Amino acid sequence: MDTLTENWSLYGDGLLGTVELTGYASLLALGLGILMAAFRVAPVGSLRVIGATWVNVLRNTPLTLLFFAVLLGLPRFGVQLPFTTFAVLALGCYTSAFICEAVRSGINTVPVGQGEAARSLGMTFEQTLGTVVLPQAFRSVIPPIGSTLIALAKNSAIAGSFSVTELLGVYRPLNELGYSIIWSFVWIAAGYLIVTLTISLIFNLLEKYWGVAR
């Protein structure tokens, strides 16, 4: 217990860093994921190619490699941003590929007749997708999106290896100060549990009010 009580500030900074990484990366992943899902079902062939390429490349690239590409590669092209921002970009882009597939699967559950009816009323593809298809798809994709964002929260631990303040990185200064490595990891695990259970609770509430009835 001393490991935690004597290092509140250190644990607090790490937990806050993980929450910020998870929050910002989740927003980016949701935005990009929904956009790429729209590309994948678009009537324009070039957009479908862009969506498919985005998903296939990112989903099959190790996240650690993507971190190296973003945090070490982009600065070589003159892109100078805080390491935390680079980490958000890497996490958000990587997770967006999985969000995209979850949303696309939800879109495929919407009866084809819904889209045809909307188009028969003169609605454009964007109007049909935004006002008819996606609201119905949302009901069925709440659980998989929740699981994906929980995975994002845990994946944020990789950012600590690139000088980004987050929860897992707390063990290094604690180890240097001579605290028990076992208890250090116990409280780190508790921190991640708080974050993931909070995400789970939020999506359980969303599923309760807007999910598909069982």
N, C-alpha and C. Protein backbone atom coordinates (compact mmCIF):
# COMPACT_ATOMS: atom_id res chain seq x y z
N MET A 1 0.82 -1.21 0.00
CA MET A 1 0.00 0.00 0.00
C MET A 1 0.86 1.27 0.00
N ASP A 2 2.05 1.19 0.64
CA ASP A 2 2.94 2.36 0.68
C ASP A 2 3.33 2.80 -0.73
N THR A 3 3.45 1.83 -1.64
CA THR A 3 3.82 2.16 -3.01
C THR A 3 2.84 3.16 -3.62
N LEU A 4 1.55 2.99 -3.30
CA LEU A 4 0.53 3.89 -3.83
C LEU A 4 0.45 5.19 -3.03
N THR A 5 0.35 5.06 -1.71
CA THR A 5 0.12 6.25 -0.87
C THR A 5 1.28 7.23 -0.92
N GLU A 6 2.49 6.73 -1.09
CA GLU A 6 3.66 7.61 -1.12
C GLU A 6 3.95 8.16 -2.51
N ASN A 7 3.14 7.73 -3.49
CA ASN A 7 3.40 8.18 -4.87
C ASN A 7 2.10 8.56 -5.58
N TRP A 8 1.21 9.22 -4.84
CA TRP A 8 -0.06 9.63 -5.41
C TRP A 8 0.14 10.48 -6.66
N SER A 9 1.04 11.42 -6.59
CA SER A 9 1.25 12.34 -7.70
C SER A 9 1.72 11.61 -8.95
N LEU A 10 2.66 10.68 -8.75
CA LEU A 10 3.21 9.93 -9.87
C LEU A 10 2.13 9.07 -10.52
N TYR A 11 1.38 8.35 -9.70
CA TYR A 11 0.29 7.52 -10.23
C TYR A 11 -0.79 8.38 -10.87
N GLY A 12 -1.08 9.53 -10.23
CA GLY A 12 -2.11 10.42 -10.77
C GLY A 12 -1.75 10.95 -12.14
N ASP A 13 -0.49 11.36 -12.30
CA ASP A 13 -0.04 11.86 -13.61
C ASP A 13 -0.11 10.76 -14.66
N GLY A 14 0.28 9.54 -14.28
CA GLY A 14 0.23 8.43 -15.22
C GLY A 14 -1.19 8.09 -15.62
N LEU A 15 -2.09 8.06 -14.62
CA LEU A 15 -3.49 7.75 -14.91
C LEU A 15 -4.11 8.84 -15.78
N LEU A 16 -3.82 10.10 -15.47
CA LEU A 16 -4.35 11.20 -16.28
C LEU A 16 -3.83 11.12 -17.70
N GLY A 17 -2.54 10.77 -17.86
CA GLY A 17 -1.98 10.63 -19.20
C GLY A 17 -2.68 9.55 -20.00
N THR A 18 -2.96 8.42 -19.35
CA THR A 18 -3.65 7.32 -20.03
C THR A 18 -5.07 7.72 -20.40
N VAL A 19 -5.77 8.43 -19.50
CA VAL A 19 -7.14 8.88 -19.78
C VAL A 19 -7.14 9.85 -20.96
N GLU A 20 -6.19 10.78 -20.98
CA GLU A 20 -6.13 11.74 -22.08
C GLU A 20 -5.82 11.05 -23.41
N LEU A 21 -4.84 10.14 -23.39
CA LEU A 21 -4.52 9.40 -24.60
C LEU A 21 -5.74 8.63 -25.10
N THR A 22 -6.41 7.94 -24.19
CA THR A 22 -7.57 7.14 -24.56
C THR A 22 -8.70 8.01 -25.09
N GLY A 23 -8.95 9.14 -24.41
CA GLY A 23 -10.04 10.00 -24.82
C GLY A 23 -9.82 10.62 -26.19
N TYR A 24 -8.67 11.25 -26.39
CA TYR A 24 -8.40 11.91 -27.67
C TYR A 24 -8.28 10.89 -28.81
N ALA A 25 -7.60 9.78 -28.54
CA ALA A 25 -7.45 8.76 -29.59
C ALA A 25 -8.79 8.13 -29.93
N SER A 26 -9.67 7.99 -28.95
CA SER A 26 -11.00 7.42 -29.21
C SER A 26 -11.81 8.34 -30.13
N LEU A 27 -11.75 9.64 -29.86
CA LEU A 27 -12.46 10.58 -30.72
C LEU A 27 -11.94 10.53 -32.16
N LEU A 28 -10.61 10.49 -32.29
CA LEU A 28 -10.01 10.40 -33.62
C LEU A 28 -10.40 9.08 -34.30
N ALA A 29 -10.34 7.98 -33.55
CA ALA A 29 -10.67 6.67 -34.11
C ALA A 29 -12.13 6.60 -34.56
N LEU A 30 -13.03 7.15 -33.75
CA LEU A 30 -14.45 7.14 -34.12
C LEU A 30 -14.69 7.97 -35.37
N GLY A 31 -14.09 9.17 -35.42
CA GLY A 31 -14.28 10.02 -36.59
C GLY A 31 -13.76 9.39 -37.86
N LEU A 32 -12.50 8.92 -37.80
CA LEU A 32 -11.90 8.29 -38.98
C LEU A 32 -12.59 6.97 -39.33
N GLY A 33 -12.94 6.21 -38.30
CA GLY A 33 -13.57 4.91 -38.53
C GLY A 33 -14.91 5.04 -39.24
N ILE A 34 -15.74 5.99 -38.80
CA ILE A 34 -17.04 6.21 -39.45
C ILE A 34 -16.84 6.72 -40.88
N LEU A 35 -15.87 7.62 -41.06
CA LEU A 35 -15.59 8.15 -42.41
C LEU A 35 -15.15 7.03 -43.34
N MET A 36 -14.24 6.16 -42.87
CA MET A 36 -13.76 5.08 -43.73
C MET A 36 -14.85 4.04 -43.99
N ALA A 37 -15.73 3.85 -43.03
CA ALA A 37 -16.86 2.94 -43.25
C ALA A 37 -17.77 3.50 -44.34
N ALA A 38 -17.97 4.83 -44.32
CA ALA A 38 -18.76 5.47 -45.37
C ALA A 38 -18.08 5.30 -46.73
N PHE A 39 -16.75 5.44 -46.74
CA PHE A 39 -16.00 5.23 -47.99
C PHE A 39 -16.19 3.80 -48.50
N ARG A 40 -16.18 2.83 -47.58
CA ARG A 40 -16.23 1.43 -47.99
C ARG A 40 -17.58 1.03 -48.58
N VAL A 41 -18.63 1.78 -48.26
CA VAL A 41 -19.95 1.45 -48.83
C VAL A 41 -20.39 2.49 -49.84
N ALA A 42 -19.50 3.41 -50.18
CA ALA A 42 -19.85 4.48 -51.12
C ALA A 42 -20.03 3.94 -52.53
N PRO A 43 -20.85 4.60 -53.35
CA PRO A 43 -21.03 4.16 -54.74
C PRO A 43 -19.86 4.53 -55.65
N VAL A 44 -18.91 5.31 -55.11
CA VAL A 44 -17.75 5.74 -55.90
C VAL A 44 -16.61 4.74 -55.67
N GLY A 45 -16.12 4.15 -56.75
CA GLY A 45 -15.10 3.11 -56.65
C GLY A 45 -13.82 3.57 -55.98
N SER A 46 -13.36 4.79 -56.30
CA SER A 46 -12.11 5.28 -55.73
C SER A 46 -12.20 5.42 -54.21
N LEU A 47 -13.36 5.82 -53.71
CA LEU A 47 -13.55 5.93 -52.26
C LEU A 47 -13.52 4.55 -51.61
N ARG A 48 -14.10 3.56 -52.27
CA ARG A 48 -14.07 2.20 -51.73
C ARG A 48 -12.64 1.68 -51.66
N VAL A 49 -11.84 2.02 -52.65
CA VAL A 49 -10.43 1.60 -52.66
C VAL A 49 -9.68 2.26 -51.51
N ILE A 50 -9.92 3.55 -51.29
CA ILE A 50 -9.27 4.26 -50.18
C ILE A 50 -9.64 3.62 -48.85
N GLY A 51 -10.93 3.35 -48.65
CA GLY A 51 -11.38 2.74 -47.40
C GLY A 51 -10.79 1.36 -47.19
N ALA A 52 -10.79 0.54 -48.23
CA ALA A 52 -10.26 -0.82 -48.12
C ALA A 52 -8.76 -0.79 -47.85
N THR A 53 -8.04 0.11 -48.52
CA THR A 53 -6.59 0.21 -48.32
C THR A 53 -6.28 0.65 -46.90
N TRP A 54 -7.00 1.65 -46.41
CA TRP A 54 -6.81 2.14 -45.04
C TRP A 54 -6.96 1.00 -44.03
N VAL A 55 -8.03 0.24 -44.18
CA VAL A 55 -8.31 -0.84 -43.22
C VAL A 55 -7.26 -1.94 -43.33
N ASN A 56 -6.97 -2.38 -44.53
CA ASN A 56 -6.07 -3.51 -44.70
C ASN A 56 -4.64 -3.19 -44.27
N VAL A 57 -4.19 -1.96 -44.53
CA VAL A 57 -2.83 -1.58 -44.14
C VAL A 57 -2.72 -1.44 -42.63
N LEU A 58 -3.62 -0.67 -42.03
CA LEU A 58 -3.51 -0.40 -40.59
C LEU A 58 -3.84 -1.62 -39.75
N ARG A 59 -4.83 -2.38 -40.16
CA ARG A 59 -5.24 -3.53 -39.36
C ARG A 59 -4.17 -4.62 -39.36
N ASN A 60 -3.34 -4.65 -40.38
CA ASN A 60 -2.31 -5.69 -40.49
C ASN A 60 -0.91 -5.16 -40.19
N THR A 61 -0.82 -3.96 -39.64
CA THR A 61 0.46 -3.40 -39.22
C THR A 61 0.58 -3.47 -37.70
N PRO A 62 1.66 -4.03 -37.16
CA PRO A 62 1.83 -4.05 -35.70
C PRO A 62 1.78 -2.63 -35.14
N LEU A 63 1.08 -2.46 -34.02
CA LEU A 63 0.92 -1.13 -33.46
C LEU A 63 2.26 -0.50 -33.08
N THR A 64 3.18 -1.31 -32.56
CA THR A 64 4.50 -0.78 -32.19
C THR A 64 5.22 -0.22 -33.42
N LEU A 65 5.11 -0.92 -34.54
CA LEU A 65 5.73 -0.44 -35.78
C LEU A 65 5.10 0.87 -36.21
N LEU A 66 3.78 0.98 -36.04
CA LEU A 66 3.10 2.22 -36.41
C LEU A 66 3.56 3.38 -35.52
N PHE A 67 3.79 3.09 -34.24
CA PHE A 67 4.32 4.12 -33.34
C PHE A 67 5.68 4.61 -33.83
N PHE A 68 6.55 3.67 -34.21
CA PHE A 68 7.87 4.05 -34.73
C PHE A 68 7.71 4.91 -35.98
N ALA A 69 6.80 4.52 -36.88
CA ALA A 69 6.61 5.26 -38.12
C ALA A 69 6.13 6.68 -37.87
N VAL A 70 5.23 6.84 -36.90
CA VAL A 70 4.65 8.16 -36.63
C VAL A 70 5.59 9.02 -35.79
N LEU A 71 6.07 8.47 -34.65
CA LEU A 71 6.86 9.27 -33.72
C LEU A 71 8.27 9.52 -34.21
N LEU A 72 8.82 8.60 -35.00
CA LEU A 72 10.19 8.78 -35.49
C LEU A 72 10.25 9.15 -36.96
N GLY A 73 9.20 8.76 -37.71
CA GLY A 73 9.22 9.02 -39.15
C GLY A 73 8.74 10.41 -39.53
N LEU A 74 7.61 10.85 -38.95
CA LEU A 74 7.05 12.14 -39.33
C LEU A 74 8.00 13.32 -39.06
N PRO A 75 8.73 13.34 -37.94
CA PRO A 75 9.66 14.46 -37.72
C PRO A 75 10.72 14.59 -38.82
N ARG A 76 11.06 13.48 -39.48
CA ARG A 76 12.04 13.53 -40.56
C ARG A 76 11.50 14.29 -41.79
N PHE A 77 10.16 14.43 -41.84
CA PHE A 77 9.55 15.17 -42.94
C PHE A 77 9.12 16.57 -42.49
N GLY A 78 9.68 17.00 -41.38
CA GLY A 78 9.41 18.36 -40.90
C GLY A 78 8.19 18.53 -40.04
N VAL A 79 7.53 17.42 -39.70
CA VAL A 79 6.34 17.50 -38.84
C VAL A 79 6.80 17.49 -37.39
N GLN A 80 6.64 18.62 -36.73
CA GLN A 80 7.09 18.75 -35.34
C GLN A 80 5.88 18.94 -34.43
N LEU A 81 5.57 17.93 -33.66
CA LEU A 81 4.44 17.95 -32.74
C LEU A 81 4.86 17.33 -31.41
N PRO A 82 4.14 17.62 -30.33
CA PRO A 82 4.45 16.95 -29.06
C PRO A 82 4.31 15.44 -29.20
N PHE A 83 5.12 14.68 -28.47
CA PHE A 83 5.06 13.22 -28.56
C PHE A 83 3.67 12.70 -28.22
N THR A 84 2.97 13.38 -27.31
CA THR A 84 1.62 12.94 -26.96
C THR A 84 0.69 13.01 -28.17
N THR A 85 0.84 14.07 -28.96
CA THR A 85 0.02 14.21 -30.16
C THR A 85 0.34 13.12 -31.17
N PHE A 86 1.62 12.82 -31.34
CA PHE A 86 2.01 11.72 -32.22
C PHE A 86 1.40 10.40 -31.74
N ALA A 87 1.41 10.18 -30.43
CA ALA A 87 0.85 8.95 -29.87
C ALA A 87 -0.65 8.86 -30.13
N VAL A 88 -1.35 9.99 -29.99
CA VAL A 88 -2.78 10.02 -30.28
C VAL A 88 -3.03 9.68 -31.75
N LEU A 89 -2.21 10.22 -32.64
CA LEU A 89 -2.34 9.92 -34.07
C LEU A 89 -2.15 8.43 -34.34
N ALA A 90 -1.12 7.84 -33.75
CA ALA A 90 -0.84 6.43 -33.98
C ALA A 90 -1.97 5.56 -33.44
N LEU A 91 -2.38 5.81 -32.21
CA LEU A 91 -3.46 5.02 -31.59
C LEU A 91 -4.78 5.22 -32.33
N GLY A 92 -5.10 6.48 -32.64
CA GLY A 92 -6.37 6.78 -33.28
C GLY A 92 -6.48 6.18 -34.67
N CYS A 93 -5.43 6.31 -35.46
CA CYS A 93 -5.45 5.77 -36.82
C CYS A 93 -5.52 4.25 -36.80
N TYR A 94 -4.72 3.63 -35.93
CA TYR A 94 -4.73 2.18 -35.85
C TYR A 94 -6.11 1.66 -35.46
N THR A 95 -6.70 2.25 -34.43
CA THR A 95 -7.99 1.77 -33.93
C THR A 95 -9.11 2.08 -34.91
N SER A 96 -8.96 3.14 -35.71
CA SER A 96 -10.01 3.50 -36.66
C SER A 96 -10.28 2.38 -37.66
N ALA A 97 -9.26 1.58 -37.98
CA ALA A 97 -9.46 0.48 -38.91
C ALA A 97 -10.44 -0.54 -38.35
N PHE A 98 -10.37 -0.79 -37.05
CA PHE A 98 -11.27 -1.74 -36.40
C PHE A 98 -12.66 -1.13 -36.20
N ILE A 99 -12.71 0.17 -35.90
CA ILE A 99 -13.98 0.86 -35.80
C ILE A 99 -14.69 0.83 -37.15
N CYS A 100 -13.94 1.06 -38.21
CA CYS A 100 -14.49 1.04 -39.56
C CYS A 100 -15.19 -0.27 -39.85
N GLU A 101 -14.54 -1.38 -39.55
CA GLU A 101 -15.13 -2.68 -39.85
C GLU A 101 -16.34 -2.96 -38.97
N ALA A 102 -16.31 -2.48 -37.73
CA ALA A 102 -17.47 -2.66 -36.85
C ALA A 102 -18.66 -1.88 -37.39
N VAL A 103 -18.42 -0.63 -37.82
CA VAL A 103 -19.50 0.19 -38.36
C VAL A 103 -20.00 -0.39 -39.68
N ARG A 104 -19.08 -0.84 -40.51
CA ARG A 104 -19.49 -1.43 -41.80
C ARG A 104 -20.36 -2.66 -41.60
N SER A 105 -20.00 -3.48 -40.61
CA SER A 105 -20.83 -4.65 -40.32
C SER A 105 -22.21 -4.23 -39.85
N GLY A 106 -22.27 -3.12 -39.09
CA GLY A 106 -23.56 -2.62 -38.66
C GLY A 106 -24.39 -2.10 -39.83
N ILE A 107 -23.71 -1.42 -40.76
CA ILE A 107 -24.41 -0.93 -41.94
C ILE A 107 -25.01 -2.09 -42.73
N ASN A 108 -24.28 -3.19 -42.80
CA ASN A 108 -24.75 -4.36 -43.55
C ASN A 108 -25.96 -5.03 -42.91
N THR A 109 -26.21 -4.72 -41.62
CA THR A 109 -27.39 -5.31 -40.95
C THR A 109 -28.66 -4.52 -41.27
N VAL A 110 -28.51 -3.32 -41.80
CA VAL A 110 -29.69 -2.51 -42.14
C VAL A 110 -30.29 -3.04 -43.44
N PRO A 111 -31.58 -3.34 -43.45
CA PRO A 111 -32.21 -3.87 -44.67
C PRO A 111 -31.96 -2.98 -45.88
N VAL A 112 -31.67 -3.61 -47.01
CA VAL A 112 -31.38 -2.87 -48.24
C VAL A 112 -32.54 -1.96 -48.61
N GLY A 113 -33.73 -2.40 -48.31
CA GLY A 113 -34.92 -1.62 -48.65
C GLY A 113 -34.95 -0.25 -48.02
N GLN A 114 -34.28 -0.10 -46.86
CA GLN A 114 -34.24 1.21 -46.21
C GLN A 114 -33.52 2.23 -47.08
N GLY A 115 -32.37 1.83 -47.60
CA GLY A 115 -31.62 2.72 -48.47
C GLY A 115 -32.34 2.99 -49.78
N GLU A 116 -32.96 1.95 -50.33
CA GLU A 116 -33.68 2.11 -51.59
C GLU A 116 -34.86 3.05 -51.43
N ALA A 117 -35.54 2.94 -50.30
CA ALA A 117 -36.68 3.82 -50.04
C ALA A 117 -36.21 5.28 -49.92
N ALA A 118 -35.07 5.47 -49.24
CA ALA A 118 -34.55 6.83 -49.10
C ALA A 118 -34.16 7.41 -50.45
N ARG A 119 -33.51 6.60 -51.28
CA ARG A 119 -33.10 7.10 -52.60
C ARG A 119 -34.32 7.38 -53.49
N SER A 120 -35.38 6.58 -53.32
CA SER A 120 -36.59 6.82 -54.12
C SER A 120 -37.26 8.14 -53.76
N LEU A 121 -36.95 8.64 -52.55
CA LEU A 121 -37.47 9.94 -52.13
C LEU A 121 -36.58 11.10 -52.57
N GLY A 122 -35.52 10.76 -53.31
CA GLY A 122 -34.63 11.79 -53.83
C GLY A 122 -33.47 12.15 -52.91
N MET A 123 -33.23 11.36 -51.87
CA MET A 123 -32.14 11.64 -50.94
C MET A 123 -30.81 11.24 -51.56
N THR A 124 -29.78 12.03 -51.30
CA THR A 124 -28.44 11.71 -51.79
C THR A 124 -27.83 10.59 -50.95
N PHE A 125 -26.66 10.09 -51.41
CA PHE A 125 -25.99 9.03 -50.64
C PHE A 125 -25.64 9.52 -49.24
N GLU A 126 -25.12 10.76 -49.15
CA GLU A 126 -24.75 11.30 -47.85
C GLU A 126 -25.96 11.42 -46.93
N GLN A 127 -27.09 11.88 -47.47
CA GLN A 127 -28.31 12.01 -46.67
C GLN A 127 -28.83 10.64 -46.24
N THR A 128 -28.80 9.70 -47.16
CA THR A 128 -29.28 8.35 -46.84
C THR A 128 -28.44 7.72 -45.75
N LEU A 129 -27.13 7.86 -45.89
CA LEU A 129 -26.22 7.26 -44.91
C LEU A 129 -26.37 7.93 -43.55
N GLY A 130 -26.40 9.26 -43.55
CA GLY A 130 -26.39 10.00 -42.29
C GLY A 130 -27.70 9.99 -41.53
N THR A 131 -28.80 9.98 -42.24
CA THR A 131 -30.10 10.10 -41.57
C THR A 131 -30.91 8.81 -41.51
N VAL A 132 -30.56 7.84 -42.35
CA VAL A 132 -31.34 6.60 -42.39
C VAL A 132 -30.52 5.39 -41.96
N VAL A 133 -29.37 5.19 -42.59
CA VAL A 133 -28.60 3.96 -42.39
C VAL A 133 -27.80 3.98 -41.08
N LEU A 134 -26.97 5.00 -40.88
CA LEU A 134 -26.10 5.03 -39.70
C LEU A 134 -26.87 5.03 -38.38
N PRO A 135 -27.97 5.79 -38.25
CA PRO A 135 -28.71 5.72 -36.98
C PRO A 135 -29.20 4.32 -36.65
N GLN A 136 -29.59 3.55 -37.68
CA GLN A 136 -30.03 2.18 -37.44
C GLN A 136 -28.84 1.26 -37.17
N ALA A 137 -27.74 1.50 -37.89
CA ALA A 137 -26.54 0.68 -37.70
C ALA A 137 -25.96 0.88 -36.31
N PHE A 138 -26.06 2.10 -35.79
CA PHE A 138 -25.50 2.43 -34.48
C PHE A 138 -25.99 1.49 -33.40
N ARG A 139 -27.25 1.09 -33.48
CA ARG A 139 -27.83 0.22 -32.46
C ARG A 139 -27.11 -1.11 -32.34
N SER A 140 -26.62 -1.63 -33.46
CA SER A 140 -26.00 -2.96 -33.44
C SER A 140 -24.49 -2.94 -33.25
N VAL A 141 -23.87 -1.75 -33.36
CA VAL A 141 -22.41 -1.69 -33.27
C VAL A 141 -21.91 -1.19 -31.92
N ILE A 142 -22.81 -0.90 -31.00
CA ILE A 142 -22.39 -0.41 -29.69
C ILE A 142 -21.45 -1.39 -28.98
N PRO A 143 -21.78 -2.68 -28.86
CA PRO A 143 -20.87 -3.61 -28.16
C PRO A 143 -19.50 -3.74 -28.81
N PRO A 144 -19.40 -3.96 -30.13
CA PRO A 144 -18.05 -4.09 -30.71
C PRO A 144 -17.22 -2.82 -30.63
N ILE A 145 -17.86 -1.66 -30.74
CA ILE A 145 -17.11 -0.41 -30.60
C ILE A 145 -16.60 -0.26 -29.18
N GLY A 146 -17.43 -0.61 -28.21
CA GLY A 146 -16.99 -0.56 -26.82
C GLY A 146 -15.79 -1.45 -26.58
N SER A 147 -15.82 -2.67 -27.10
CA SER A 147 -14.69 -3.59 -26.95
C SER A 147 -13.43 -3.04 -27.61
N THR A 148 -13.61 -2.40 -28.77
CA THR A 148 -12.47 -1.85 -29.49
C THR A 148 -11.83 -0.70 -28.70
N LEU A 149 -12.64 0.14 -28.07
CA LEU A 149 -12.10 1.26 -27.31
C LEU A 149 -11.45 0.79 -26.00
N ILE A 150 -11.94 -0.30 -25.46
CA ILE A 150 -11.27 -0.90 -24.29
C ILE A 150 -9.88 -1.39 -24.69
N ALA A 151 -9.81 -2.01 -25.87
CA ALA A 151 -8.50 -2.45 -26.38
C ALA A 151 -7.58 -1.25 -26.61
N LEU A 152 -8.15 -0.14 -27.09
CA LEU A 152 -7.36 1.08 -27.30
C LEU A 152 -6.75 1.56 -25.99
N ALA A 153 -7.55 1.55 -24.93
CA ALA A 153 -7.05 2.00 -23.61
C ALA A 153 -5.85 1.17 -23.18
N LYS A 154 -5.92 -0.13 -23.41
CA LYS A 154 -4.80 -1.00 -23.03
C LYS A 154 -3.61 -0.83 -23.97
N ASN A 155 -3.89 -0.59 -25.24
CA ASN A 155 -2.81 -0.37 -26.21
C ASN A 155 -2.03 0.92 -25.94
N SER A 156 -2.66 1.85 -25.23
CA SER A 156 -1.99 3.11 -24.94
C SER A 156 -0.72 2.92 -24.12
N ALA A 157 -0.57 1.75 -23.51
CA ALA A 157 0.63 1.46 -22.72
C ALA A 157 1.89 1.52 -23.57
N ILE A 158 1.75 1.27 -24.87
CA ILE A 158 2.92 1.31 -25.75
C ILE A 158 3.53 2.71 -25.80
N ALA A 159 2.68 3.73 -25.61
CA ALA A 159 3.17 5.12 -25.71
C ALA A 159 4.24 5.43 -24.68
N GLY A 160 4.23 4.73 -23.55
CA GLY A 160 5.23 4.98 -22.51
C GLY A 160 6.64 4.70 -22.97
N SER A 161 6.79 3.85 -23.97
CA SER A 161 8.12 3.55 -24.49
C SER A 161 8.66 4.66 -25.38
N PHE A 162 7.81 5.67 -25.67
CA PHE A 162 8.21 6.77 -26.54
C PHE A 162 8.12 8.11 -25.81
N SER A 163 8.48 8.08 -24.53
CA SER A 163 8.57 9.30 -23.71
C SER A 163 7.24 10.01 -23.54
N VAL A 164 6.15 9.28 -23.60
CA VAL A 164 4.82 9.84 -23.36
C VAL A 164 4.37 9.45 -21.95
N THR A 165 3.87 10.41 -21.20
CA THR A 165 3.42 10.14 -19.84
C THR A 165 2.14 9.31 -19.86
N GLU A 166 2.19 8.13 -19.34
CA GLU A 166 1.02 7.27 -19.22
C GLU A 166 1.24 6.29 -18.07
N LEU A 167 0.24 5.49 -17.77
CA LEU A 167 0.22 4.73 -16.53
C LEU A 167 1.31 3.67 -16.42
N LEU A 168 1.52 2.89 -17.48
CA LEU A 168 2.51 1.82 -17.39
C LEU A 168 3.91 2.34 -17.14
N GLY A 169 4.22 3.52 -17.68
CA GLY A 169 5.55 4.09 -17.51
C GLY A 169 5.88 4.46 -16.08
N VAL A 170 4.88 4.43 -15.18
CA VAL A 170 5.11 4.77 -13.78
C VAL A 170 6.07 3.79 -13.11
N TYR A 171 6.11 2.55 -13.62
CA TYR A 171 6.93 1.54 -12.94
C TYR A 171 8.42 1.87 -12.98
N ARG A 172 8.86 2.60 -14.01
CA ARG A 172 10.29 2.88 -14.12
C ARG A 172 10.81 3.76 -12.98
N PRO A 173 10.23 4.94 -12.72
CA PRO A 173 10.72 5.73 -11.59
C PRO A 173 10.51 5.04 -10.25
N LEU A 174 9.43 4.26 -10.12
CA LEU A 174 9.21 3.54 -8.87
C LEU A 174 10.29 2.49 -8.65
N ASN A 175 10.68 1.83 -9.72
CA ASN A 175 11.74 0.82 -9.62
C ASN A 175 13.06 1.47 -9.24
N GLU A 176 13.32 2.66 -9.81
CA GLU A 176 14.56 3.37 -9.49
C GLU A 176 14.58 3.85 -8.04
N LEU A 177 13.37 4.13 -7.50
CA LEU A 177 13.29 4.56 -6.11
C LEU A 177 13.31 3.41 -5.12
N GLY A 178 13.32 2.18 -5.62
CA GLY A 178 13.45 1.01 -4.77
C GLY A 178 12.15 0.41 -4.29
N TYR A 179 11.03 0.83 -4.86
CA TYR A 179 9.74 0.25 -4.45
C TYR A 179 9.56 -1.13 -5.07
N SER A 180 8.73 -1.94 -4.42
CA SER A 180 8.46 -3.30 -4.90
C SER A 180 7.88 -3.25 -6.31
N ILE A 181 8.52 -3.96 -7.23
CA ILE A 181 8.05 -3.96 -8.61
C ILE A 181 6.70 -4.65 -8.71
N ILE A 182 6.47 -5.65 -7.83
CA ILE A 182 5.19 -6.37 -7.86
C ILE A 182 4.05 -5.43 -7.50
N TRP A 183 4.20 -4.68 -6.39
CA TRP A 183 3.14 -3.76 -5.98
C TRP A 183 3.01 -2.59 -6.94
N SER A 184 4.09 -2.21 -7.56
CA SER A 184 4.01 -1.16 -8.58
C SER A 184 3.07 -1.58 -9.70
N PHE A 185 3.23 -2.82 -10.16
CA PHE A 185 2.39 -3.31 -11.25
C PHE A 185 0.97 -3.60 -10.79
N VAL A 186 0.80 -3.98 -9.53
CA VAL A 186 -0.55 -4.21 -9.00
C VAL A 186 -1.37 -2.93 -9.09
N TRP A 187 -0.79 -1.80 -8.66
CA TRP A 187 -1.53 -0.53 -8.70
C TRP A 187 -1.65 0.01 -10.10
N ILE A 188 -0.69 -0.30 -10.96
CA ILE A 188 -0.82 0.08 -12.37
C ILE A 188 -1.99 -0.68 -12.99
N ALA A 189 -2.07 -1.98 -12.70
CA ALA A 189 -3.18 -2.78 -13.22
C ALA A 189 -4.51 -2.27 -12.70
N ALA A 190 -4.55 -1.83 -11.44
CA ALA A 190 -5.78 -1.27 -10.88
C ALA A 190 -6.20 -0.01 -11.64
N GLY A 191 -5.21 0.80 -12.02
CA GLY A 191 -5.51 2.01 -12.79
C GLY A 191 -6.11 1.69 -14.14
N TYR A 192 -5.52 0.71 -14.83
CA TYR A 192 -6.09 0.31 -16.12
C TYR A 192 -7.49 -0.27 -15.95
N LEU A 193 -7.70 -0.98 -14.85
CA LEU A 193 -9.02 -1.56 -14.58
C LEU A 193 -10.06 -0.46 -14.42
N ILE A 194 -9.67 0.63 -13.75
CA ILE A 194 -10.59 1.76 -13.58
C ILE A 194 -10.98 2.34 -14.94
N VAL A 195 -9.98 2.52 -15.80
CA VAL A 195 -10.24 3.10 -17.13
C VAL A 195 -11.13 2.19 -17.96
N THR A 196 -10.78 0.91 -18.03
CA THR A 196 -11.54 -0.01 -18.89
C THR A 196 -12.95 -0.27 -18.36
N LEU A 197 -13.10 -0.34 -17.03
CA LEU A 197 -14.43 -0.55 -16.47
C LEU A 197 -15.31 0.68 -16.70
N THR A 198 -14.72 1.86 -16.69
CA THR A 198 -15.48 3.08 -16.98
C THR A 198 -15.99 3.06 -18.42
N ILE A 199 -15.12 2.68 -19.36
CA ILE A 199 -15.55 2.58 -20.76
C ILE A 199 -16.65 1.53 -20.89
N SER A 200 -16.46 0.41 -20.22
CA SER A 200 -17.45 -0.67 -20.28
C SER A 200 -18.80 -0.20 -19.73
N LEU A 201 -18.77 0.55 -18.64
CA LEU A 201 -20.01 1.06 -18.05
C LEU A 201 -20.72 2.01 -19.00
N ILE A 202 -19.96 2.90 -19.63
CA ILE A 202 -20.55 3.85 -20.57
C ILE A 202 -21.24 3.12 -21.71
N PHE A 203 -20.58 2.12 -22.27
CA PHE A 203 -21.16 1.41 -23.41
C PHE A 203 -22.28 0.47 -22.99
N ASN A 204 -22.23 -0.01 -21.77
CA ASN A 204 -23.36 -0.80 -21.26
C ASN A 204 -24.61 0.06 -21.15
N LEU A 205 -24.42 1.32 -20.71
CA LEU A 205 -25.55 2.25 -20.62
C LEU A 205 -26.08 2.60 -22.01
N LEU A 206 -25.15 2.82 -22.96
CA LEU A 206 -25.58 3.10 -24.32
C LEU A 206 -26.35 1.93 -24.91
N GLU A 207 -25.87 0.73 -24.65
CA GLU A 207 -26.54 -0.45 -25.17
C GLU A 207 -27.91 -0.62 -24.53
N LYS A 208 -28.00 -0.28 -23.26
CA LYS A 208 -29.28 -0.41 -22.54
C LYS A 208 -30.35 0.50 -23.14
N TYR A 209 -29.96 1.72 -23.50
CA TYR A 209 -30.94 2.69 -23.98
C TYR A 209 -31.11 2.69 -25.49
N TRP A 210 -30.04 2.35 -26.26
CA TRP A 210 -30.13 2.44 -27.70
C TRP A 210 -29.79 1.15 -28.43
N GLY A 211 -29.37 0.13 -27.71
CA GLY A 211 -28.97 -1.11 -28.36
C GLY A 211 -30.14 -1.88 -28.93
N VAL A 212 -29.80 -2.94 -29.68
CA VAL A 212 -30.82 -3.80 -30.26
C VAL A 212 -31.51 -4.57 -29.16
N ALA A 213 -32.83 -4.57 -29.12
CA ALA A 213 -33.59 -5.28 -28.09
C ALA A 213 -33.40 -6.77 -28.23
N ARG A 214 -33.27 -7.43 -27.07
CA ARG A 214 -33.09 -8.89 -27.08
C ARG A 214 -34.40 -9.57 -26.68
